[in-house]
């Protein structure tokens, strides 16, 4: 079993900042990346930021320059620093963990944390 525990969501005014954290535990094997996705009401889940073991992190165009993803490889954690928040950033944010075993990719998800940005 793999557990992802998120924290840090909440209510913030536009222009403010929030920091999300996610800690992975359990049967962790070949982690290839960790990231954050979000889903707003009535919309599909979308990638926010993803940090693989190699290369630079990927960001959604809508958050570039405002959000920063960081990983602690030793602790199996990932954080998302969100600044200059906008009402359109309001969504449930979920932590994602990808592992690889024998050529197959496995995705694991946190329970999600609500981020609400008021105008």
PDB file of N, CA and C in Angstrom:
ATOM      1  N   UNK A   1       0.827  -1.184   0.000  1.00  0.00           N
ATOM      2  CA  UNK A   1       0.000   0.000   0.000  1.00  0.00           C
ATOM      3  C   UNK A   1       0.870   1.245   0.000  1.00  0.00           C
ATOM      4  N   UNK A   2       0.374   2.246  -0.689  1.00  0.00           N
ATOM      5  CA  UNK A   2       1.050   3.541  -0.748  1.00  0.00           C
ATOM      6  C   UNK A   2       0.089   4.590  -0.218  1.00  0.00           C
ATOM      7  N   UNK A   3       0.567   5.429   0.651  1.00  0.00           N
ATOM      8  CA  UNK A   3      -0.261   6.516   1.180  1.00  0.00           C
ATOM      9  C   UNK A   3       0.364   7.856   0.822  1.00  0.00           C
ATOM     10  N   UNK A   4      -0.489   8.764   0.406  1.00  0.00           N
ATOM     11  CA  UNK A   4      -0.076  10.139   0.136  1.00  0.00           C
ATOM     12  C   UNK A   4      -0.928  11.039   1.023  1.00  0.00           C
ATOM     13  N   UNK A   5      -0.288  11.790   1.871  1.00  0.00           N
ATOM     14  CA  UNK A   5      -0.998  12.668   2.793  1.00  0.00           C
ATOM     15  C   UNK A   5      -0.666  14.111   2.448  1.00  0.00           C
ATOM     16  N   UNK A   6      -1.707  14.861   2.127  1.00  0.00           N
ATOM     17  CA  UNK A   6      -1.542  16.260   1.731  1.00  0.00           C
ATOM     18  C   UNK A   6      -1.924  17.186   2.864  1.00  0.00           C
ATOM     19  N   UNK A   7      -1.370  18.368   2.814  1.00  0.00           N
ATOM     20  CA  UNK A   7      -1.731  19.397   3.784  1.00  0.00           C
ATOM     21  C   UNK A   7      -1.463  20.761   3.174  1.00  0.00           C
ATOM     22  N   UNK A   8      -2.085  21.776   3.753  1.00  0.00           N
ATOM     23  CA  UNK A   8      -1.772  23.137   3.359  1.00  0.00           C
ATOM     24  C   UNK A   8      -2.829  23.879   2.575  1.00  0.00           C
ATOM     25  N   UNK A   9      -3.924  23.238   2.233  1.00  0.00           N
ATOM     26  CA  UNK A   9      -4.957  23.958   1.503  1.00  0.00           C
ATOM     27  C   UNK A   9      -5.673  24.940   2.403  1.00  0.00           C
ATOM     28  N   UNK A  10      -6.572  25.699   1.805  1.00  0.00           N
ATOM     29  CA  UNK A  10      -7.339  26.655   2.592  1.00  0.00           C
ATOM     30  C   UNK A  10      -7.907  27.772   1.757  1.00  0.00           C
ATOM     31  N   UNK A  11      -8.325  28.808   2.455  1.00  0.00           N
ATOM     32  CA  UNK A  11      -8.936  29.984   1.824  1.00  0.00           C
ATOM     33  C   UNK A  11      -7.940  31.135   1.865  1.00  0.00           C
ATOM     34  N   UNK A  12      -7.774  31.785   0.739  1.00  0.00           N
ATOM     35  CA  UNK A  12      -6.833  32.906   0.663  1.00  0.00           C
ATOM     36  C   UNK A  12      -7.396  33.953  -0.285  1.00  0.00           C
ATOM     37  N   UNK A  13      -7.050  35.189  -0.071  1.00  0.00           N
ATOM     38  CA  UNK A  13      -7.488  36.254  -0.967  1.00  0.00           C
ATOM     39  C   UNK A  13      -6.617  36.271  -2.221  1.00  0.00           C
ATOM     40  N   UNK A  14      -7.177  36.791  -3.277  1.00  0.00           N
ATOM     41  CA  UNK A  14      -6.423  36.931  -4.523  1.00  0.00           C
ATOM     42  C   UNK A  14      -5.145  37.720  -4.265  1.00  0.00           C
ATOM     43  N   UNK A  15      -4.070  37.232  -4.862  1.00  0.00           N
ATOM     44  CA  UNK A  15      -2.772  37.855  -4.642  1.00  0.00           C
ATOM     45  C   UNK A  15      -1.982  37.236  -3.519  1.00  0.00           C
ATOM     46  N   UNK A  16      -2.637  36.399  -2.746  1.00  0.00           N
ATOM     47  CA  UNK A  16      -1.974  35.775  -1.610  1.00  0.00           C
ATOM     48  C   UNK A  16      -1.205  34.526  -1.998  1.00  0.00           C
ATOM     49  N   UNK A  17      -0.695  33.856  -0.972  1.00  0.00           N
ATOM     50  CA  UNK A  17       0.135  32.672  -1.181  1.00  0.00           C
ATOM     51  C   UNK A  17      -0.335  31.516  -0.295  1.00  0.00           C
ATOM     52  N   UNK A  18      -0.074  30.316  -0.780  1.00  0.00           N
ATOM     53  CA  UNK A  18      -0.308  29.106  -0.015  1.00  0.00           C
ATOM     54  C   UNK A  18       0.785  28.113  -0.365  1.00  0.00           C
ATOM     55  N   UNK A  19       1.043  27.227   0.573  1.00  0.00           N
ATOM     56  CA  UNK A  19       2.019  26.163   0.327  1.00  0.00           C
ATOM     57  C   UNK A  19       1.358  24.824   0.606  1.00  0.00           C
ATOM     58  N   UNK A  20       1.368  23.962  -0.388  1.00  0.00           N
ATOM     59  CA  UNK A  20       0.839  22.610  -0.241  1.00  0.00           C
ATOM     60  C   UNK A  20       1.997  21.644  -0.037  1.00  0.00           C
ATOM     61  N   UNK A  21       1.763  20.658   0.798  1.00  0.00           N
ATOM     62  CA  UNK A  21       2.771  19.631   1.040  1.00  0.00           C
ATOM     63  C   UNK A  21       2.147  18.253   0.893  1.00  0.00           C
ATOM     64  N   UNK A  22       2.957  17.298   0.493  1.00  0.00           N
ATOM     65  CA  UNK A  22       2.499  15.926   0.322  1.00  0.00           C
ATOM     66  C   UNK A  22       3.620  14.992   0.747  1.00  0.00           C
ATOM     67  N   UNK A  23       3.272  14.036   1.588  1.00  0.00           N
ATOM     68  CA  UNK A  23       4.247  13.053   2.056  1.00  0.00           C
ATOM     69  C   UNK A  23       3.807  11.664   1.634  1.00  0.00           C
ATOM     70  N   UNK A  24       4.722  10.935   1.025  1.00  0.00           N
ATOM     71  CA  UNK A  24       4.438   9.577   0.577  1.00  0.00           C
ATOM     72  C   UNK A  24       5.040   8.572   1.544  1.00  0.00           C
ATOM     73  N   UNK A  25       4.293   7.501   1.771  1.00  0.00           N
ATOM     74  CA  UNK A  25       4.791   6.430   2.641  1.00  0.00           C
ATOM     75  C   UNK A  25       4.224   5.101   2.173  1.00  0.00           C
ATOM     76  N   UNK A  26       4.737   4.033   2.743  1.00  0.00           N
ATOM     77  CA  UNK A  26       4.272   2.708   2.381  1.00  0.00           C
ATOM     78  C   UNK A  26       5.264   1.979   1.501  1.00  0.00           C
ATOM     79  N   UNK A  27       4.740   1.153   0.615  1.00  0.00           N
ATOM     80  CA  UNK A  27       5.581   0.329  -0.252  1.00  0.00           C
ATOM     81  C   UNK A  27       6.030   1.146  -1.463  1.00  0.00           C
ATOM     82  N   UNK A  28       7.065   1.918  -1.248  1.00  0.00           N
ATOM     83  CA  UNK A  28       7.601   2.761  -2.301  1.00  0.00           C
ATOM     84  C   UNK A  28       8.763   2.057  -2.963  1.00  0.00           C
ATOM     85  N   UNK A  29       8.727   1.966  -4.290  1.00  0.00           N
ATOM     86  CA  UNK A  29       9.839   1.337  -4.982  1.00  0.00           C
ATOM     87  C   UNK A  29      10.481   2.340  -5.923  1.00  0.00           C
ATOM     88  N   UNK A  30      10.370   2.166  -7.197  1.00  0.00           N
ATOM     89  CA  UNK A  30      11.086   3.056  -8.117  1.00  0.00           C
ATOM     90  C   UNK A  30      10.249   4.292  -8.431  1.00  0.00           C
ATOM     91  N   UNK A  31      10.368   5.296  -7.593  1.00  0.00           N
ATOM     92  CA  UNK A  31       9.651   6.548  -7.834  1.00  0.00           C
ATOM     93  C   UNK A  31      10.306   7.266  -9.005  1.00  0.00           C
ATOM     94  N   UNK A  32       9.503   7.644  -9.985  1.00  0.00           N
ATOM     95  CA  UNK A  32      10.045   8.363 -11.126  1.00  0.00           C
ATOM     96  C   UNK A  32       9.618   9.826 -11.126  1.00  0.00           C
ATOM     97  N   UNK A  33       8.633  10.168 -10.320  1.00  0.00           N
ATOM     98  CA  UNK A  33       8.230  11.552 -10.255  1.00  0.00           C
ATOM     99  C   UNK A  33       7.096  11.771  -9.285  1.00  0.00           C
ATOM    100  N   UNK A  34       6.947  13.020  -8.887  1.00  0.00           N
ATOM    101  CA  UNK A  34       5.834  13.440  -8.036  1.00  0.00           C
ATOM    102  C   UNK A  34       5.327  14.770  -8.554  1.00  0.00           C
ATOM    103  N   UNK A  35       4.048  14.996  -8.365  1.00  0.00           N
ATOM    104  CA  UNK A  35       3.504  16.248  -8.874  1.00  0.00           C
ATOM    105  C   UNK A  35       2.184  16.595  -8.259  1.00  0.00           C
ATOM    106  N   UNK A  36       1.589  17.630  -8.801  1.00  0.00           N
ATOM    107  CA  UNK A  36       0.297  18.141  -8.341  1.00  0.00           C
ATOM    108  C   UNK A  36      -0.648  18.326  -9.524  1.00  0.00           C
ATOM    109  N   UNK A  37      -1.876  17.912  -9.314  1.00  0.00           N
ATOM    110  CA  UNK A  37      -2.950  18.121 -10.261  1.00  0.00           C
ATOM    111  C   UNK A  37      -4.060  18.878  -9.536  1.00  0.00           C
ATOM    112  N   UNK A  38      -4.971  19.446 -10.314  1.00  0.00           N
ATOM    113  CA  UNK A  38      -6.112  20.107  -9.704  1.00  0.00           C
ATOM    114  C   UNK A  38      -7.357  19.885 -10.540  1.00  0.00           C
ATOM    115  N   UNK A  39      -8.480  19.979  -9.865  1.00  0.00           N
ATOM    116  CA  UNK A  39      -9.766  19.849 -10.538  1.00  0.00           C
ATOM    117  C   UNK A  39     -10.728  20.871  -9.967  1.00  0.00           C
ATOM    118  N   UNK A  40     -11.169  21.738 -10.840  1.00  0.00           N
ATOM    119  CA  UNK A  40     -12.158  22.742 -10.463  1.00  0.00           C
ATOM    120  C   UNK A  40     -13.552  22.188 -10.746  1.00  0.00           C
ATOM    121  N   UNK A  41     -14.584  22.714 -10.091  1.00  0.00           N
ATOM    122  CA  UNK A  41     -15.944  22.219 -10.323  1.00  0.00           C
ATOM    123  C   UNK A  41     -16.328  22.302 -11.795  1.00  0.00           C
ATOM    124  N   UNK A  42     -16.823  21.205 -12.316  1.00  0.00           N
ATOM    125  CA  UNK A  42     -17.280  21.189 -13.693  1.00  0.00           C
ATOM    126  C   UNK A  42     -16.180  21.079 -14.729  1.00  0.00           C
ATOM    127  N   UNK A  43     -14.938  20.925 -14.266  1.00  0.00           N
ATOM    128  CA  UNK A  43     -13.814  20.838 -15.197  1.00  0.00           C
ATOM    129  C   UNK A  43     -13.054  19.536 -15.004  1.00  0.00           C
ATOM    130  N   UNK A  44     -12.263  19.194 -16.013  1.00  0.00           N
ATOM    131  CA  UNK A  44     -11.447  18.000 -15.914  1.00  0.00           C
ATOM    132  C   UNK A  44     -10.213  18.274 -15.063  1.00  0.00           C
ATOM    133  N   UNK A  45      -9.685  17.199 -14.510  1.00  0.00           N
ATOM    134  CA  UNK A  45      -8.448  17.326 -13.747  1.00  0.00           C
ATOM    135  C   UNK A  45      -7.321  17.728 -14.691  1.00  0.00           C
ATOM    136  N   UNK A  46      -6.470  18.638 -14.218  1.00  0.00           N
ATOM    137  CA  UNK A  46      -5.381  19.104 -15.055  1.00  0.00           C
ATOM    138  C   UNK A  46      -4.074  19.097 -14.276  1.00  0.00           C
ATOM    139  N   UNK A  47      -3.005  18.929 -15.014  1.00  0.00           N
ATOM    140  CA  UNK A  47      -1.680  18.978 -14.412  1.00  0.00           C
ATOM    141  C   UNK A  47      -1.362  20.404 -13.980  1.00  0.00           C
ATOM    142  N   UNK A  48      -0.849  20.551 -12.786  1.00  0.00           N
ATOM    143  CA  UNK A  48      -0.381  21.852 -12.313  1.00  0.00           C
ATOM    144  C   UNK A  48       1.136  21.910 -12.417  1.00  0.00           C
ATOM    145  N   UNK A  49       1.805  20.934 -11.818  1.00  0.00           N
ATOM    146  CA  UNK A  49       3.263  20.885 -11.838  1.00  0.00           C
ATOM    147  C   UNK A  49       3.711  19.462 -11.573  1.00  0.00           C
ATOM    148  N   UNK A  50       4.799  19.088 -12.213  1.00  0.00           N
ATOM    149  CA  UNK A  50       5.310  17.729 -12.062  1.00  0.00           C
ATOM    150  C   UNK A  50       6.819  17.777 -12.046  1.00  0.00           C
ATOM    151  N   UNK A  51       7.408  17.060 -11.084  1.00  0.00           N
ATOM    152  CA  UNK A  51       8.860  17.013 -10.972  1.00  0.00           C
ATOM    153  C   UNK A  51       9.318  15.568 -11.116  1.00  0.00           C
ATOM    154  N   UNK A  52       9.948  15.272 -12.223  1.00  0.00           N
ATOM    155  CA  UNK A  52      10.497  13.941 -12.430  1.00  0.00           C
ATOM    156  C   UNK A  52      11.886  13.862 -11.812  1.00  0.00           C
ATOM    157  N   UNK A  53      12.443  12.649 -11.854  1.00  0.00           N
ATOM    158  CA  UNK A  53      13.768  12.474 -11.270  1.00  0.00           C
ATOM    159  C   UNK A  53      14.860  13.117 -12.108  1.00  0.00           C
ATOM    160  N   UNK A  54      14.541  13.406 -13.339  1.00  0.00           N
ATOM    161  CA  UNK A  54      15.527  13.999 -14.239  1.00  0.00           C
ATOM    162  C   UNK A  54      14.904  15.165 -14.983  1.00  0.00           C
ATOM    163  N   UNK A  55      15.677  16.165 -15.241  1.00  0.00           N
ATOM    164  CA  UNK A  55      15.187  17.294 -16.007  1.00  0.00           C
ATOM    165  C   UNK A  55      14.486  18.321 -15.142  1.00  0.00           C
ATOM    166  N   UNK A  56      14.064  19.370 -15.790  1.00  0.00           N
ATOM    167  CA  UNK A  56      13.389  20.461 -15.095  1.00  0.00           C
ATOM    168  C   UNK A  56      11.921  20.125 -14.859  1.00  0.00           C
ATOM    169  N   UNK A  57      11.333  20.714 -13.835  1.00  0.00           N
ATOM    170  CA  UNK A  57       9.909  20.475 -13.589  1.00  0.00           C
ATOM    171  C   UNK A  57       9.052  21.001 -14.733  1.00  0.00           C
ATOM    172  N   UNK A  58       7.883  20.395 -14.885  1.00  0.00           N
ATOM    173  CA  UNK A  58       6.906  20.874 -15.852  1.00  0.00           C
ATOM    174  C   UNK A  58       5.814  21.637 -15.132  1.00  0.00           C
ATOM    175  N   UNK A  59       5.373  22.721 -15.723  1.00  0.00           N
ATOM    176  CA  UNK A  59       4.297  23.528 -15.153  1.00  0.00           C
ATOM    177  C   UNK A  59       3.224  23.775 -16.202  1.00  0.00           C
ATOM    178  N   UNK A  60       1.992  23.868 -15.742  1.00  0.00           N
ATOM    179  CA  UNK A  60       0.931  24.340 -16.614  1.00  0.00           C
ATOM    180  C   UNK A  60       1.223  25.789 -16.962  1.00  0.00           C
ATOM    181  N   UNK A  61       0.895  26.167 -18.175  1.00  0.00           N
ATOM    182  CA  UNK A  61       1.159  27.543 -18.603  1.00  0.00           C
ATOM    183  C   UNK A  61       0.499  28.549 -17.669  1.00  0.00           C
ATOM    184  N   UNK A  62      -0.652  28.190 -17.153  1.00  0.00           N
ATOM    185  CA  UNK A  62      -1.416  29.127 -16.328  1.00  0.00           C
ATOM    186  C   UNK A  62      -0.765  29.423 -14.981  1.00  0.00           C
ATOM    187  N   UNK A  63       0.209  28.603 -14.570  1.00  0.00           N
ATOM    188  CA  UNK A  63       0.829  28.803 -13.260  1.00  0.00           C
ATOM    189  C   UNK A  63       2.306  29.144 -13.350  1.00  0.00           C
ATOM    190  N   UNK A  64       2.853  29.133 -14.545  1.00  0.00           N
ATOM    191  CA  UNK A  64       4.287  29.436 -14.699  1.00  0.00           C
ATOM    192  C   UNK A  64       4.603  30.822 -14.148  1.00  0.00           C
ATOM    193  N   UNK A  65       5.681  30.871 -13.386  1.00  0.00           N
ATOM    194  CA  UNK A  65       6.086  32.130 -12.782  1.00  0.00           C
ATOM    195  C   UNK A  65       5.393  32.437 -11.479  1.00  0.00           C
ATOM    196  N   UNK A  66       4.373  31.666 -11.127  1.00  0.00           N
ATOM    197  CA  UNK A  66       3.650  31.906  -9.877  1.00  0.00           C
ATOM    198  C   UNK A  66       3.789  30.727  -8.907  1.00  0.00           C
ATOM    199  N   UNK A  67       3.858  29.536  -9.438  1.00  0.00           N
ATOM    200  CA  UNK A  67       3.944  28.330  -8.611  1.00  0.00           C
ATOM    201  C   UNK A  67       5.333  27.714  -8.743  1.00  0.00           C
ATOM    202  N   UNK A  68       5.792  27.104  -7.669  1.00  0.00           N
ATOM    203  CA  UNK A  68       7.075  26.418  -7.680  1.00  0.00           C
ATOM    204  C   UNK A  68       6.929  25.066  -6.998  1.00  0.00           C
ATOM    205  N   UNK A  69       7.350  24.024  -7.688  1.00  0.00           N
ATOM    206  CA  UNK A  69       7.303  22.684  -7.118  1.00  0.00           C
ATOM    207  C   UNK A  69       8.691  22.312  -6.610  1.00  0.00           C
ATOM    208  N   UNK A  70       8.714  21.592  -5.518  1.00  0.00           N
ATOM    209  CA  UNK A  70       9.994  21.139  -4.975  1.00  0.00           C
ATOM    210  C   UNK A  70       9.824  19.754  -4.364  1.00  0.00           C
ATOM    211  N   UNK A  71      10.863  18.966  -4.450  1.00  0.00           N
ATOM    212  CA  UNK A  71      10.832  17.615  -3.903  1.00  0.00           C
ATOM    213  C   UNK A  71      11.971  17.408  -2.917  1.00  0.00           C
ATOM    214  N   UNK A  72      11.686  16.623  -1.904  1.00  0.00           N
ATOM    215  CA  UNK A  72      12.715  16.140  -1.000  1.00  0.00           C
ATOM    216  C   UNK A  72      12.820  14.647  -1.266  1.00  0.00           C
ATOM    217  N   UNK A  73      13.859  14.260  -1.979  1.00  0.00           N
ATOM    218  CA  UNK A  73      13.974  12.876  -2.411  1.00  0.00           C
ATOM    219  C   UNK A  73      14.208  11.939  -1.231  1.00  0.00           C
ATOM    220  N   UNK A  74      14.900  12.406  -0.235  1.00  0.00           N
ATOM    221  CA  UNK A  74      15.183  11.554   0.915  1.00  0.00           C
ATOM    222  C   UNK A  74      13.936  11.279   1.739  1.00  0.00           C
ATOM    223  N   UNK A  75      13.039  12.259   1.798  1.00  0.00           N
ATOM    224  CA  UNK A  75      11.835  12.119   2.624  1.00  0.00           C
ATOM    225  C   UNK A  75      10.609  11.734   1.808  1.00  0.00           C
ATOM    226  N   UNK A  76      10.764  11.631   0.502  1.00  0.00           N
ATOM    227  CA  UNK A  76       9.630  11.291  -0.381  1.00  0.00           C
ATOM    228  C   UNK A  76       8.478  12.283  -0.199  1.00  0.00           C
ATOM    229  N   UNK A  77       8.822  13.532  -0.246  1.00  0.00           N
ATOM    230  CA  UNK A  77       7.799  14.570  -0.143  1.00  0.00           C
ATOM    231  C   UNK A  77       7.874  15.489  -1.359  1.00  0.00           C
ATOM    232  N   UNK A  78       6.764  16.153  -1.604  1.00  0.00           N
ATOM    233  CA  UNK A  78       6.699  17.150  -2.663  1.00  0.00           C
ATOM    234  C   UNK A  78       5.885  18.320  -2.142  1.00  0.00           C
ATOM    235  N   UNK A  79       6.304  19.504  -2.497  1.00  0.00           N
ATOM    236  CA  UNK A  79       5.606  20.710  -2.058  1.00  0.00           C
ATOM    237  C   UNK A  79       5.292  21.584  -3.263  1.00  0.00           C
ATOM    238  N   UNK A  80       4.264  22.378  -3.112  1.00  0.00           N
ATOM    239  CA  UNK A  80       3.881  23.329  -4.157  1.00  0.00           C
ATOM    240  C   UNK A  80       3.709  24.689  -3.499  1.00  0.00           C
ATOM    241  N   UNK A  81       4.609  25.590  -3.793  1.00  0.00           N
ATOM    242  CA  UNK A  81       4.506  26.961  -3.314  1.00  0.00           C
ATOM    243  C   UNK A  81       3.719  27.765  -4.334  1.00  0.00           C
ATOM    244  N   UNK A  82       2.599  28.302  -3.908  1.00  0.00           N
ATOM    245  CA  UNK A  82       1.718  29.030  -4.805  1.00  0.00           C
ATOM    246  C   UNK A  82       1.689  30.495  -4.392  1.00  0.00           C
ATOM    247  N   UNK A  83       2.001  31.350  -5.330  1.00  0.00           N
ATOM    248  CA  UNK A  83       2.008  32.784  -5.073  1.00  0.00           C
ATOM    249  C   UNK A  83       1.148  33.493  -6.101  1.00  0.00           C
ATOM    250  N   UNK A  84       0.837  34.743  -5.799  1.00  0.00           N
ATOM    251  CA  UNK A  84       0.000  35.546  -6.705  1.00  0.00           C
ATOM    252  C   UNK A  84      -1.240  34.770  -7.128  1.00  0.00           C
ATOM    253  N   UNK A  85      -1.894  34.190  -6.159  1.00  0.00           N
ATOM    254  CA  UNK A  85      -3.047  33.340  -6.449  1.00  0.00           C
ATOM    255  C   UNK A  85      -4.193  34.142  -7.048  1.00  0.00           C
ATOM    256  N   UNK A  86      -4.904  33.473  -7.937  1.00  0.00           N
ATOM    257  CA  UNK A  86      -6.037  34.079  -8.630  1.00  0.00           C
ATOM    258  C   UNK A  86      -7.293  33.263  -8.333  1.00  0.00           C
ATOM    259  N   UNK A  87      -8.459  33.874  -8.451  1.00  0.00           N
ATOM    260  CA  UNK A  87      -9.691  33.106  -8.224  1.00  0.00           C
ATOM    261  C   UNK A  87      -9.781  31.869  -9.110  1.00  0.00           C
ATOM    262  N   UNK A  88      -9.238  31.930 -10.296  1.00  0.00           N
ATOM    263  CA  UNK A  88      -9.286  30.767 -11.184  1.00  0.00           C
ATOM    264  C   UNK A  88      -8.371  29.630 -10.747  1.00  0.00           C
ATOM    265  N   UNK A  89      -7.572  29.850  -9.717  1.00  0.00           N
ATOM    266  CA  UNK A  89      -6.779  28.776  -9.145  1.00  0.00           C
ATOM    267  C   UNK A  89      -7.594  27.928  -8.164  1.00  0.00           C
ATOM    268  N   UNK A  90      -8.802  28.361  -7.880  1.00  0.00           N
ATOM    269  CA  UNK A  90      -9.654  27.623  -6.965  1.00  0.00           C
ATOM    270  C   UNK A  90      -9.940  26.227  -7.503  1.00  0.00           C
ATOM    271  N   UNK A  91      -9.637  25.219  -6.710  1.00  0.00           N
ATOM    272  CA  UNK A  91      -9.805  23.834  -7.137  1.00  0.00           C
ATOM    273  C   UNK A  91      -9.430  22.909  -5.990  1.00  0.00           C
ATOM    274  N   UNK A  92      -9.692  21.630  -6.194  1.00  0.00           N
ATOM    275  CA  UNK A  92      -9.152  20.607  -5.308  1.00  0.00           C
ATOM    276  C   UNK A  92      -7.810  20.179  -5.886  1.00  0.00           C
ATOM    277  N   UNK A  93      -6.786  20.293  -5.088  1.00  0.00           N
ATOM    278  CA  UNK A  93      -5.435  19.954  -5.519  1.00  0.00           C
ATOM    279  C   UNK A  93      -5.059  18.571  -4.986  1.00  0.00           C
ATOM    280  N   UNK A  94      -4.564  17.736  -5.881  1.00  0.00           N
ATOM    281  CA  UNK A  94      -4.214  16.363  -5.495  1.00  0.00           C
ATOM    282  C   UNK A  94      -2.748  16.085  -5.797  1.00  0.00           C
ATOM    283  N   UNK A  95      -2.137  15.414  -4.878  1.00  0.00           N
ATOM    284  CA  UNK A  95      -0.756  14.996  -5.031  1.00  0.00           C
ATOM    285  C   UNK A  95      -0.712  13.709  -5.854  1.00  0.00           C
ATOM    286  N   UNK A  96       0.264  13.614  -6.726  1.00  0.00           N
ATOM    287  CA  UNK A  96       0.442  12.430  -7.561  1.00  0.00           C
ATOM    288  C   UNK A  96       1.840  11.872  -7.388  1.00  0.00           C
ATOM    289  N   UNK A  97       1.902  10.549  -7.340  1.00  0.00           N
ATOM    290  CA  UNK A  97       3.186   9.847  -7.247  1.00  0.00           C
ATOM    291  C   UNK A  97       3.217   8.813  -8.358  1.00  0.00           C
ATOM    292  N   UNK A  98       4.305   8.802  -9.116  1.00  0.00           N
ATOM    293  CA  UNK A  98       4.463   7.802 -10.165  1.00  0.00           C
ATOM    294  C   UNK A  98       5.638   6.892  -9.824  1.00  0.00           C
ATOM    295  N   UNK A  99       5.372   5.607  -9.971  1.00  0.00           N
ATOM    296  CA  UNK A  99       6.434   4.621  -9.775  1.00  0.00           C
ATOM    297  C   UNK A  99       6.494   3.714 -10.989  1.00  0.00           C
ATOM    298  N   UNK A 100       7.641   3.100 -11.178  1.00  0.00           N
ATOM    299  CA  UNK A 100       7.841   2.214 -12.312  1.00  0.00           C
ATOM    300  C   UNK A 100       8.302   0.858 -11.815  1.00  0.00           C
ATOM    301  N   UNK A 101       7.703  -0.186 -12.387  1.00  0.00           N
ATOM    302  CA  UNK A 101       8.106  -1.540 -12.031  1.00  0.00           C
ATOM    303  C   UNK A 101       7.987  -2.417 -13.261  1.00  0.00           C
ATOM    304  N   UNK A 102       9.082  -2.981 -13.647  1.00  0.00           N
ATOM    305  CA  UNK A 102       9.121  -3.891 -14.799  1.00  0.00           C
ATOM    306  C   UNK A 102       8.502  -3.248 -16.028  1.00  0.00           C
ATOM    307  N   UNK A 103       8.813  -1.987 -16.225  1.00  0.00           N
ATOM    308  CA  UNK A 103       8.371  -1.304 -17.419  1.00  0.00           C
ATOM    309  C   UNK A 103       6.975  -0.730 -17.362  1.00  0.00           C
ATOM    310  N   UNK A 104       6.286  -0.923 -16.276  1.00  0.00           N
ATOM    311  CA  UNK A 104       4.932  -0.385 -16.137  1.00  0.00           C
ATOM    312  C   UNK A 104       4.938   0.784 -15.172  1.00  0.00           C
ATOM    313  N   UNK A 105       4.087   1.753 -15.473  1.00  0.00           N
ATOM    314  CA  UNK A 105       3.951   2.919 -14.610  1.00  0.00           C
ATOM    315  C   UNK A 105       2.738   2.757 -13.705  1.00  0.00           C
ATOM    316  N   UNK A 106       2.905   3.169 -12.479  1.00  0.00           N
ATOM    317  CA  UNK A 106       1.828   3.100 -11.498  1.00  0.00           C
ATOM    318  C   UNK A 106       1.604   4.491 -10.917  1.00  0.00           C
ATOM    319  N   UNK A 107       0.351   4.933 -10.920  1.00  0.00           N
ATOM    320  CA  UNK A 107      -0.003   6.241 -10.385  1.00  0.00           C
ATOM    321  C   UNK A 107      -0.740   6.087  -9.065  1.00  0.00           C
ATOM    322  N   UNK A 108      -0.359   6.921  -8.119  1.00  0.00           N
ATOM    323  CA  UNK A 108      -1.022   6.963  -6.819  1.00  0.00           C
ATOM    324  C   UNK A 108      -1.431   8.407  -6.539  1.00  0.00           C
ATOM    325  N   UNK A 109      -2.549   8.532  -5.817  1.00  0.00           N
ATOM    326  CA  UNK A 109      -3.127   9.856  -5.599  1.00  0.00           C
ATOM    327  C   UNK A 109      -3.421  10.103  -4.122  1.00  0.00           C
ATOM    328  N   UNK A 110      -3.266  11.353  -3.746  1.00  0.00           N
ATOM    329  CA  UNK A 110      -3.690  11.764  -2.431  1.00  0.00           C
ATOM    330  C   UNK A 110      -5.186  11.996  -2.420  1.00  0.00           C
ATOM    331  N   UNK A 111      -5.697  12.329  -1.241  1.00  0.00           N
ATOM    332  CA  UNK A 111      -7.137  12.493  -1.096  1.00  0.00           C
ATOM    333  C   UNK A 111      -7.615  13.844  -1.616  1.00  0.00           C
ATOM    334  N   UNK A 112      -6.696  14.749  -1.832  1.00  0.00           N
ATOM    335  CA  UNK A 112      -7.048  16.074  -2.332  1.00  0.00           C
ATOM    336  C   UNK A 112      -7.204  17.082  -1.214  1.00  0.00           C
ATOM    337  N   UNK A 113      -6.838  18.305  -1.513  1.00  0.00           N
ATOM    338  CA  UNK A 113      -6.995  19.390  -0.547  1.00  0.00           C
ATOM    339  C   UNK A 113      -7.580  20.603  -1.269  1.00  0.00           C
ATOM    340  N   UNK A 114      -8.547  21.226  -0.643  1.00  0.00           N
ATOM    341  CA  UNK A 114      -9.258  22.342  -1.271  1.00  0.00           C
ATOM    342  C   UNK A 114      -8.448  23.626  -1.161  1.00  0.00           C
ATOM    343  N   UNK A 115      -8.329  24.303  -2.283  1.00  0.00           N
ATOM    344  CA  UNK A 115      -7.743  25.644  -2.329  1.00  0.00           C
ATOM    345  C   UNK A 115      -8.817  26.575  -2.878  1.00  0.00           C
ATOM    346  N   UNK A 116      -9.148  27.593  -2.110  1.00  0.00           N
ATOM    347  CA  UNK A 116     -10.153  28.557  -2.519  1.00  0.00           C
ATOM    348  C   UNK A 116      -9.541  29.946  -2.493  1.00  0.00           C
ATOM    349  N   UNK A 117      -9.617  30.618  -3.628  1.00  0.00           N
ATOM    350  CA  UNK A 117      -9.062  31.966  -3.744  1.00  0.00           C
ATOM    351  C   UNK A 117     -10.219  32.938  -3.947  1.00  0.00           C
ATOM    352  N   UNK A 118     -10.377  33.844  -3.022  1.00  0.00           N
ATOM    353  CA  UNK A 118     -11.480  34.806  -3.104  1.00  0.00           C
ATOM    354  C   UNK A 118     -11.007  36.073  -3.812  1.00  0.00           C
ATOM    355  N   UNK A 119     -11.932  36.701  -4.507  1.00  0.00           N
ATOM    356  CA  UNK A 119     -11.585  37.922  -5.258  1.00  0.00           C
ATOM    357  C   UNK A 119     -11.767  39.161  -4.416  1.00  0.00           C
TER     358      UNK A 119
END
